[in-house]
C-alpha atoms as a PDB file:
ATOM      1  CA  GLY A   1       0.009   0.281  -0.118  1.00  0.00           C
ATOM      2  CA  ASN A   2       2.953   2.665   0.195  1.00  0.00           C
ATOM      3  CA  TYR A   3       5.100   4.470  -3.016  1.00  0.00           C
ATOM      4  CA  VAL A   4       8.581   2.853  -2.837  1.00  0.00           C
ATOM      5  CA  ALA A   5      11.404   3.092  -5.166  1.00  0.00           C
ATOM      6  CA  VAL A   6      12.859  -0.349  -6.269  1.00  0.00           C
ATOM      7  CA  LYS A   7      16.752  -0.794  -7.157  1.00  0.00           C
ATOM      8  CA  ILE A   8      17.900  -3.224  -9.480  1.00  0.00           C
ATOM      9  CA  PRO A   9      21.104  -3.502 -11.475  1.00  0.00           C
ATOM     10  CA  THR A  10      21.544  -2.727 -14.778  1.00  0.00           C
ATOM     11  CA  LEU A  11      24.653  -4.898 -15.275  1.00  0.00           C
ATOM     12  CA  MET A  12      24.849  -8.946 -13.282  1.00  0.00           C
ATOM     13  CA  ASN A  13      28.230  -9.541 -12.883  1.00  0.00           C
ATOM     14  CA  ALA A  14      30.734 -10.273 -10.256  1.00  0.00           C
ATOM     15  CA  THR A  15      31.570  -6.512  -9.574  1.00  0.00           C
ATOM     16  CA  THR A  16      27.593  -6.228  -9.101  1.00  0.00           C
ATOM     17  CA  GLY A  17      27.367  -8.323  -6.304  1.00  0.00           C
ATOM     18  CA  LYS A  18      30.440  -7.642  -4.341  1.00  0.00           C
ATOM     19  CA  THR A  19      28.659  -4.127  -4.691  1.00  0.00           C
ATOM     20  CA  PHE A  20      25.659  -4.922  -3.433  1.00  0.00           C
ATOM     21  CA  ILE A  21      26.862  -7.086  -0.560  1.00  0.00           C
ATOM     22  CA  SER A  22      28.782  -4.232   0.115  1.00  0.00           C
ATOM     23  CA  GLU A  23      25.640  -2.175   0.275  1.00  0.00           C
ATOM     24  CA  ILE A  24      23.749  -4.495   2.140  1.00  0.00           C
ATOM     25  CA  GLN A  25      25.807  -4.711   5.268  1.00  0.00           C
ATOM     26  CA  ASN A  26      26.278  -0.886   5.288  1.00  0.00           C
ATOM     27  CA  TRP A  27      23.135   1.091   4.182  1.00  0.00           C
ATOM     28  CA  THR A  28      21.107  -1.459   6.253  1.00  0.00           C
ATOM     29  CA  LYS A  29      22.427  -0.821   9.758  1.00  0.00           C
ATOM     30  CA  LEU A  30      21.649   3.131   9.147  1.00  0.00           C
ATOM     31  CA  SER A  31      18.566   4.453  10.375  1.00  0.00           C
ATOM     32  CA  HIS A  32      18.432   8.178  10.173  1.00  0.00           C
ATOM     33  CA  GLN A  33      16.127  11.029   8.801  1.00  0.00           C
ATOM     34  CA  ASN A  34      19.036  12.159   6.404  1.00  0.00           C
ATOM     35  CA  ILE A  35      19.986   8.919   4.839  1.00  0.00           C
ATOM     36  CA  VAL A  36      17.329   6.929   2.570  1.00  0.00           C
ATOM     37  CA  LYS A  37      15.434   4.463   4.402  1.00  0.00           C
ATOM     38  CA  VAL A  38      15.680   0.551   2.847  1.00  0.00           C
ATOM     39  CA  TYR A  39      12.666  -1.588   3.745  1.00  0.00           C
ATOM     40  CA  ASP A  40      13.932  -4.529   2.347  1.00  0.00           C
ATOM     41  CA  PHE A  41      16.056  -5.963   0.130  1.00  0.00           C
ATOM     42  CA  ASN A  42      17.824  -9.545  -1.260  1.00  0.00           C
ATOM     43  CA  ILE A  43      20.249 -10.661  -3.582  1.00  0.00           C
ATOM     44  CA  LEU A  44      18.017 -13.458  -5.241  1.00  0.00           C
ATOM     45  CA  PRO A  45      15.789 -13.818  -7.722  1.00  0.00           C
ATOM     46  CA  ILE A  46      18.314 -11.005  -8.746  1.00  0.00           C
ATOM     47  CA  PRO A  47      19.536  -8.442  -6.459  1.00  0.00           C
ATOM     48  CA  TYR A  48      17.220  -5.491  -5.275  1.00  0.00           C
ATOM     49  CA  PHE A  49      16.539  -2.802  -3.181  1.00  0.00           C
ATOM     50  CA  GLU A  50      13.445  -2.013  -2.093  1.00  0.00           C
ATOM     51  CA  MET A  51      13.502   2.318  -0.386  1.00  0.00           C
ATOM     52  CA  GLU A  52      12.139   5.262   0.558  1.00  0.00           C
ATOM     53  CA  LEU A  53      10.728   7.455  -2.392  1.00  0.00           C
ATOM     54  CA  CYS A  54      12.032  11.079  -2.599  1.00  0.00           C
ATOM     55  CA  ASP A  55      11.402  13.668  -4.870  1.00  0.00           C
ATOM     56  CA  GLY A  56      14.550  14.088  -7.134  1.00  0.00           C
ATOM     57  CA  ALA A  57      18.632  14.667  -6.309  1.00  0.00           C
ATOM     58  CA  LEU A  58      20.369  17.598  -5.731  1.00  0.00           C
ATOM     59  CA  ALA A  59      21.748  16.963  -9.511  1.00  0.00           C
ATOM     60  CA  ASP A  60      18.232  17.870 -10.383  1.00  0.00           C
ATOM     61  CA  LEU A  61      18.691  21.600  -8.606  1.00  0.00           C
ATOM     62  CA  THR A  62      19.401  24.547 -11.394  1.00  0.00           C
ATOM     63  CA  LYS A  63      22.918  25.860  -9.896  1.00  0.00           C
ATOM     64  CA  PRO A  64      24.181  27.857  -8.528  1.00  0.00           C
ATOM     65  CA  ILE A  65      21.879  28.254  -5.548  1.00  0.00           C
ATOM     66  CA  GLU A  66      22.461  30.857  -2.716  1.00  0.00           C
ATOM     67  CA  SER A  67      25.089  30.119  -0.334  1.00  0.00           C
ATOM     68  CA  LYS A  68      22.419  30.301   3.183  1.00  0.00           C
ATOM     69  CA  GLU A  69      20.702  27.679   0.923  1.00  0.00           C
ATOM     70  CA  ALA A  70      23.608  25.539  -0.228  1.00  0.00           C
ATOM     71  CA  SER A  71      25.333  25.429   3.122  1.00  0.00           C
ATOM     72  CA  ARG A  72      21.552  24.740   4.701  1.00  0.00           C
ATOM     73  CA  ILE A  73      21.591  21.561   2.440  1.00  0.00           C
ATOM     74  CA  LEU A  74      25.392  20.598   3.383  1.00  0.00           C
ATOM     75  CA  PHE A  75      24.337  21.143   7.091  1.00  0.00           C
ATOM     76  CA  ASN A  76      22.010  18.478   6.826  1.00  0.00           C
ATOM     77  CA  ILE A  77      23.877  15.889   4.809  1.00  0.00           C
ATOM     78  CA  CYS A  78      26.082  16.288   7.597  1.00  0.00           C
ATOM     79  CA  GLU A  79      23.777  14.697  10.281  1.00  0.00           C
ATOM     80  CA  GLY A  80      23.633  11.612   8.308  1.00  0.00           C
ATOM     81  CA  LEU A  81      27.281  11.796   7.212  1.00  0.00           C
ATOM     82  CA  LYS A  82      27.747  12.165  11.155  1.00  0.00           C
ATOM     83  CA  PHE A  83      25.722   9.204  11.912  1.00  0.00           C
ATOM     84  CA  ALA A  84      27.696   6.964   9.475  1.00  0.00           C
ATOM     85  CA  HIS A  85      30.699   7.887  10.676  1.00  0.00           C
ATOM     86  CA  LYS A  86      29.338   6.829  14.501  1.00  0.00           C
ATOM     87  CA  GLN A  87      28.965   3.626  12.725  1.00  0.00           C
ATOM     88  CA  LYS A  88      32.495   3.488  11.638  1.00  0.00           C
ATOM     89  CA  ILE A  89      30.835   3.627   7.729  1.00  0.00           C
ATOM     90  CA  LEU A  90      32.504   5.757   5.549  1.00  0.00           C
ATOM     91  CA  HIS A  91      30.391   6.538   2.211  1.00  0.00           C
ATOM     92  CA  ARG A  92      33.293   7.567  -0.228  1.00  0.00           C
ATOM     93  CA  ASP A  93      30.894   8.104  -3.491  1.00  0.00           C
ATOM     94  CA  LEU A  94      29.347  11.316  -2.330  1.00  0.00           C
ATOM     95  CA  LYS A  95      28.044  13.469  -5.268  1.00  0.00           C
ATOM     96  CA  PRO A  96      24.707  15.682  -5.980  1.00  0.00           C
ATOM     97  CA  GLN A  97      23.149  12.181  -7.942  1.00  0.00           C
ATOM     98  CA  ASN A  98      23.901  10.200  -4.331  1.00  0.00           C
ATOM     99  CA  ILE A  99      21.982  12.979  -2.441  1.00  0.00           C
ATOM    100  CA  LEU A 100      18.231  12.961  -2.899  1.00  0.00           C
ATOM    101  CA  LEU A 101      15.279  15.221  -1.453  1.00  0.00           C
ATOM    102  CA  LYS A 102      11.726  14.298   0.023  1.00  0.00           C
ATOM    103  CA  ASP A 103       9.993  17.270   0.922  1.00  0.00           C
ATOM    104  CA  GLY A 104      13.080  19.344   0.544  1.00  0.00           C
ATOM    105  CA  VAL A 105      15.250  17.292   3.232  1.00  0.00           C
ATOM    106  CA  PRO A 106      18.697  15.909   1.961  1.00  0.00           C
ATOM    107  CA  LYS A 107      19.219  11.966   2.356  1.00  0.00           C
ATOM    108  CA  ILE A 108      22.004  10.458   1.654  1.00  0.00           C
ATOM    109  CA  SER A 109      21.933   7.247  -0.620  1.00  0.00           C
ATOM    110  CA  ASP A 110      23.675   4.473  -2.773  1.00  0.00           C
ATOM    111  CA  TRP A 111      25.908   2.970  -0.416  1.00  0.00           C
ATOM    112  CA  GLY A 112      27.805   0.331  -2.820  1.00  0.00           C
ATOM    113  CA  LEU A 113      31.234   1.948  -2.005  1.00  0.00           C
ATOM    114  CA  SER A 114      30.855   2.387   1.354  1.00  0.00           C
ATOM    115  CA  ARG A 115      33.498   0.132   3.504  1.00  0.00           C
ATOM    116  CA  ILE A 116      34.075   0.250   7.309  1.00  0.00           C
ATOM    117  CA  ILE A 117      36.471   2.661   8.775  1.00  0.00           C
ATOM    118  CA  SER A 118      39.106  -0.316  10.097  1.00  0.00           C
ATOM    119  CA  GLU A 119      39.002  -1.692   6.177  1.00  0.00           C
ATOM    120  CA  SER A 120      39.612   1.338   4.469  1.00  0.00           C
ATOM    121  CA  SER A 121      43.268   1.734   4.852  1.00  0.00           C
ATOM    122  CA  THR A 122      43.717  -1.816   3.481  1.00  0.00           C
ATOM    123  CA  THR A 123      41.057  -1.530   0.765  1.00  0.00           C
ATOM    124  CA  THR A 124      42.903  -1.674  -3.003  1.00  0.00           C
ATOM    125  CA  SER A 125      39.538  -0.464  -4.174  1.00  0.00           C
ATOM    126  CA  THR A 126      40.242   1.989  -7.196  1.00  0.00           C
ATOM    127  CA  SER A 127      36.460   2.349  -7.644  1.00  0.00           C
ATOM    128  CA  PHE A 128      35.279   6.243  -7.569  1.00  0.00           C
ATOM    129  CA  THR A 129      33.761   9.136  -9.420  1.00  0.00           C
ATOM    130  CA  PRO A 130      36.086  10.852 -11.027  1.00  0.00           C
ATOM    131  CA  HIS A 131      34.831  14.744 -10.356  1.00  0.00           C
ATOM    132  CA  TYR A 132      34.375  13.975  -6.568  1.00  0.00           C
ATOM    133  CA  ALA A 133      37.549  11.785  -5.854  1.00  0.00           C
ATOM    134  CA  ALA A 134      39.961  12.826  -3.164  1.00  0.00           C
ATOM    135  CA  PRO A 135      43.664  13.230  -3.429  1.00  0.00           C
ATOM    136  CA  GLU A 136      44.164  10.017  -1.590  1.00  0.00           C
ATOM    137  CA  GLN A 137      41.875   7.656  -4.015  1.00  0.00           C
ATOM    138  CA  ILE A 138      43.783   8.955  -6.977  1.00  0.00           C
ATOM    139  CA  ASN A 139      46.853   7.707  -5.439  1.00  0.00           C
ATOM    140  CA  ASN A 140      44.843   4.799  -3.724  1.00  0.00           C
ATOM    141  CA  ARG A 141      46.067   5.775  -0.263  1.00  0.00           C
ATOM    142  CA  VAL A 142      44.507   5.744   3.044  1.00  0.00           C
ATOM    143  CA  LYS A 143      41.201   6.338   3.064  1.00  0.00           C
ATOM    144  CA  ASP A 144      38.821   7.912   5.886  1.00  0.00           C
ATOM    145  CA  GLU A 145      36.267  10.302   7.577  1.00  0.00           C
ATOM    146  CA  ARG A 146      38.423  13.107   5.660  1.00  0.00           C
ATOM    147  CA  THR A 147      37.568  11.678   2.331  1.00  0.00           C
ATOM    148  CA  ASP A 148      34.211  11.830   2.670  1.00  0.00           C
ATOM    149  CA  ILE A 149      34.756  15.613   4.067  1.00  0.00           C
ATOM    150  CA  TRP A 150      36.353  16.507   1.140  1.00  0.00           C
ATOM    151  CA  GLN A 151      33.577  15.164  -1.216  1.00  0.00           C
ATOM    152  CA  LEU A 152      31.215  17.367   0.695  1.00  0.00           C
ATOM    153  CA  GLY A 153      33.428  20.297  -0.140  1.00  0.00           C
ATOM    154  CA  VAL A 154      33.215  19.181  -3.666  1.00  0.00           C
ATOM    155  CA  ILE A 155      29.594  19.304  -3.744  1.00  0.00           C
ATOM    156  CA  LEU A 156      29.579  22.294  -1.780  1.00  0.00           C
ATOM    157  CA  HIS A 157      31.842  24.270  -4.453  1.00  0.00           C
ATOM    158  CA  GLU A 158      29.271  23.025  -6.996  1.00  0.00           C
ATOM    159  CA  LEU A 159      26.088  24.039  -5.351  1.00  0.00           C
ATOM    160  CA  VAL A 160      27.262  27.959  -4.991  1.00  0.00           C
ATOM    161  CA  THR A 161      29.072  27.900  -8.657  1.00  0.00           C
ATOM    162  CA  GLY A 162      27.570  25.867 -10.060  1.00  0.00           C
ATOM    163  CA  ILE A 163      30.693  24.666 -11.864  1.00  0.00           C
ATOM    164  CA  LEU A 164      33.276  21.608 -10.144  1.00  0.00           C
ATOM    165  CA  PRO A 165      36.262  22.327  -9.090  1.00  0.00           C
ATOM    166  CA  PHE A 166      38.515  19.978 -11.042  1.00  0.00           C
ATOM    167  CA  ASN A 167      37.557  18.838 -14.726  1.00  0.00           C
ATOM    168  CA  GLY A 168      39.466  17.789 -17.750  1.00  0.00           C
ATOM    169  CA  ASP A 169      39.357  15.817 -21.117  1.00  0.00           C
ATOM    170  CA  SER A 170      39.781  12.910 -19.777  1.00  0.00           C
ATOM    171  CA  MET A 171      39.840  10.688 -15.952  1.00  0.00           C
ATOM    172  CA  VAL A 172      43.813  11.075 -16.249  1.00  0.00           C
ATOM    173  CA  GLU A 173      43.709  15.264 -16.663  1.00  0.00           C
ATOM    174  CA  ILE A 174      41.049  15.125 -13.861  1.00  0.00           C
ATOM    175  CA  GLY A 175      42.703  13.177 -11.489  1.00  0.00           C
ATOM    176  CA  MET A 176      45.955  14.762 -12.279  1.00  0.00           C
ATOM    177  CA  ASN A 177      44.347  18.091 -11.559  1.00  0.00           C
ATOM    178  CA  ILE A 178      42.890  17.092  -8.129  1.00  0.00           C
ATOM    179  CA  ALA A 179      46.152  15.582  -6.949  1.00  0.00           C
ATOM    180  CA  THR A 180      48.167  18.664  -8.398  1.00  0.00           C
ATOM    181  CA  LYS A 181      46.253  22.239  -8.994  1.00  0.00           C
ATOM    182  CA  ASP A 182      44.507  23.907  -6.367  1.00  0.00           C
ATOM    183  CA  PRO A 183      40.836  24.881  -7.076  1.00  0.00           C
ATOM    184  CA  LYS A 184      39.821  28.053  -7.603  1.00  0.00           C
ATOM    185  CA  CYS A 185      37.576  30.192  -4.179  1.00  0.00           C
ATOM    186  CA  PRO A 186      33.908  30.159  -4.907  1.00  0.00           C
ATOM    187  CA  SER A 187      34.174  33.817  -4.504  1.00  0.00           C
ATOM    188  CA  GLU A 188      36.307  34.058  -7.473  1.00  0.00           C
ATOM    189  CA  ILE A 189      33.656  32.662  -9.883  1.00  0.00           C
ATOM    190  CA  ILE A 190      30.769  33.948  -8.104  1.00  0.00           C
ATOM    191  CA  PRO A 191      31.521  37.081  -5.713  1.00  0.00           C
ATOM    192  CA  ASP A 192      28.509  36.426  -3.525  1.00  0.00           C
ATOM    193  CA  ALA A 193      30.099  33.098  -2.145  1.00  0.00           C
ATOM    194  CA  LYS A 194      32.914  34.786  -0.619  1.00  0.00           C
ATOM    195  CA  ALA A 195      31.679  34.051   2.810  1.00  0.00           C
ATOM    196  CA  ILE A 196      31.788  30.619   2.171  1.00  0.00           C
ATOM    197  CA  ASP A 197      35.448  30.482   0.738  1.00  0.00           C
ATOM    198  CA  ALA A 198      36.875  29.455   3.942  1.00  0.00           C
ATOM    199  CA  VAL A 199      34.556  26.212   4.620  1.00  0.00           C
ATOM    200  CA  VAL A 200      35.676  24.957   0.546  1.00  0.00           C
ATOM    201  CA  MET A 201      38.518  25.403   0.631  1.00  0.00           C
ATOM    202  CA  LYS A 202      39.108  23.540   4.325  1.00  0.00           C
ATOM    203  CA  CYS A 203      37.575  20.887   2.721  1.00  0.00           C
ATOM    204  CA  LEU A 204      39.882  20.566  -0.445  1.00  0.00           C
ATOM    205  CA  GLN A 205      42.821  21.060   1.279  1.00  0.00           C
ATOM    206  CA  LYS A 206      45.073  17.939  -1.070  1.00  0.00           C
ATOM    207  CA  ASP A 207      46.669  17.200   2.342  1.00  0.00           C
ATOM    208  CA  PRO A 208      43.966  15.334   5.104  1.00  0.00           C
ATOM    209  CA  LEU A 209      45.309  16.524   7.934  1.00  0.00           C
ATOM    210  CA  LYS A 210      44.652  20.030   6.826  1.00  0.00           C
ATOM    211  CA  ARG A 211      40.958  19.656   6.041  1.00  0.00           C
ATOM    212  CA  TYR A 212      38.548  19.627   9.087  1.00  0.00           C
ATOM    213  CA  GLN A 213      39.065  16.267  10.623  1.00  0.00           C
ATOM    214  CA  CYS A 214      35.436  15.228  11.633  1.00  0.00           C
ATOM    215  CA  VAL A 215      31.884  15.895   9.823  1.00  0.00           C
ATOM    216  CA  LEU A 216      31.150  18.165  13.248  1.00  0.00           C
ATOM    217  CA  GLU A 217      33.832  20.266  12.974  1.00  0.00           C
ATOM    218  CA  LEU A 218      32.747  21.258   9.072  1.00  0.00           C
ATOM    219  CA  GLN A 219      28.966  21.367  10.892  1.00  0.00           C
ATOM    220  CA  LYS A 220      30.179  24.194  13.568  1.00  0.00           C
ATOM    221  CA  ASP A 221      31.519  26.765  11.084  1.00  0.00           C
ATOM    222  CA  LEU A 222      28.454  25.760   8.382  1.00  0.00           C
ATOM    223  CA  ALA A 223      27.035  26.762  11.917  1.00  0.00           C
ATOM    224  CA  LEU A 224      28.622  29.875  12.346  1.00  0.00           C
ATOM    225  CA  TYR A 225      27.668  31.231   8.933  1.00  0.00           C
ATOM    226  CA  LEU A 226      23.805  30.445   8.940  1.00  0.00           C
ATOM    227  CA  ARG A 227      23.607  31.661  12.651  1.00  0.00           C
ATOM    228  CA  GLU A 228      24.467  34.831  11.096  1.00  0.00           C
ATOM    229  CA  ASN A 229      22.227  34.693   8.489  1.00  0.00           C
ATOM    230  CA  TYR A 230      19.683  33.357  10.383  1.00  0.00           C
ATOM    231  CA  THR A 231      20.370  36.277  13.508  1.00  0.00           C
ATOM    232  CA  GLU A 232      20.086  39.111  10.675  1.00  0.00           C
ATOM    233  CA  MET A 233      16.757  37.860   8.729  1.00  0.00           C
ATOM    234  CA  LEU A 234      14.670  37.089  12.583  1.00  0.00           C
ATOM    235  CA  LYS A 235      15.966  40.740  13.644  1.00  0.00           C
ATOM    236  CA  THR A 236      14.045  41.942  10.044  1.00  0.00           C
ATOM    237  CA  SER A 237      11.364  40.144  10.630  1.00  0.00           C
ATOM    238  CA  VAL A 238      10.866  41.315  13.927  1.00  0.00           C
ATOM    239  CA  THR A 239      11.465  44.792  12.841  1.00  0.00           C
ATOM    240  CA  ALA A 240       8.722  44.018  10.219  1.00  0.00           C
ATOM    241  CA  LYS A 241       6.280  42.361  12.478  1.00  0.00           C
ATOM    242  CA  ASP A 242       6.308  39.311  10.854  1.00  0.00           C
ATOM    243  CA  TYR A 243       6.325  36.560  13.667  1.00  0.00           C
ATOM    244  CA  ASN A 244       5.706  33.553  12.245  1.00  0.00           C
ATOM    245  CA  ARG A 245       8.370  34.165  10.273  1.00  0.00           C
ATOM    246  CA  SER A 246      10.489  35.043  13.772  1.00  0.00           C
ATOM    247  CA  ALA A 247       9.221  31.716  14.611  1.00  0.00           C
ATOM    248  CA  TYR A 248      10.614  30.165  11.757  1.00  0.00           C
ATOM    249  CA  TYR A 249      14.387  31.608  12.310  1.00  0.00           C
ATOM    250  CA  CYS A 250      14.182  31.074  15.976  1.00  0.00           C
ATOM    251  CA  GLY A 251      13.492  27.334  15.513  1.00  0.00           C
ATOM    252  CA  ASP A 252      16.074  27.218  12.843  1.00  0.00           C
ATOM    253  CA  LEU A 253      18.371  29.113  15.580  1.00  0.00           C
ATOM    254  CA  LEU A 254      17.890  26.926  17.820  1.00  0.00           C
ATOM    255  CA  MET A 255      18.451  23.728  15.644  1.00  0.00           C
ATOM    256  CA  ILE A 256      21.503  24.567  14.520  1.00  0.00           C
ATOM    257  CA  ASN A 257      22.996  24.881  18.022  1.00  0.00           C
ATOM    258  CA  LEU A 258      21.540  21.900  19.445  1.00  0.00           C
ATOM    259  CA  VAL A 259      22.726  19.721  16.465  1.00  0.00           C
ATOM    260  CA  THR A 260      26.659  21.510  16.978  1.00  0.00           C
ATOM    261  CA  GLY A 261      26.109  20.663  20.913  1.00  0.00           C
ATOM    262  CA  ASP A 262      25.721  24.989  21.433  1.00  0.00           C
END
């Protein structure tokens, strides 16, 4: 009696089998409002997932979008990712196509490349989406929570500028650019995105030690930016005596501070 989405493979081969087994092992452990919910799954007669039906994906949005809206979306993606990392699960393939939207709420989907964090240092897998891959994926070095944080930086850059931070005419060229070149600050492309420059560029540090070390650190910087915006809008709405809107901004301010432990 419910509408659901069903995911099935387009190819039946050994790689597909391994992908589905990995997803079954990891995705089914993750129950969170910012992660697409799995209702049922099986590998026979063919591998399938029966899951929450969403409205669309980040990939469908017309970009660029305002920095505050992009930051709100990323803040909520961080909530789902923070939960996964607490379960010791890395996603490793975050991109707009894998962030679905339901009633405006972003939900992480497609955990086929996910790995348990303790396994990430020994995996030899070279599977990744070129434009969103972190340098350590290109160079097949140790992957950890900071690999997912790099991919969040690529997504945020793309949301606020409308273009990817690293491009090329081939997978090799894209990989070389990721490994050796510095991306442009978002404000060099969209001047109004200046307030979010520091967050994006810290996510996109090639050395993982220079990135945010955990998702909560990234959330706290996003929260600082969002608090400034919501506080200003709250003042404006109170001055205009638009108290319904004031209550909305108050609620958002309260939730932002609760989530970041402030």
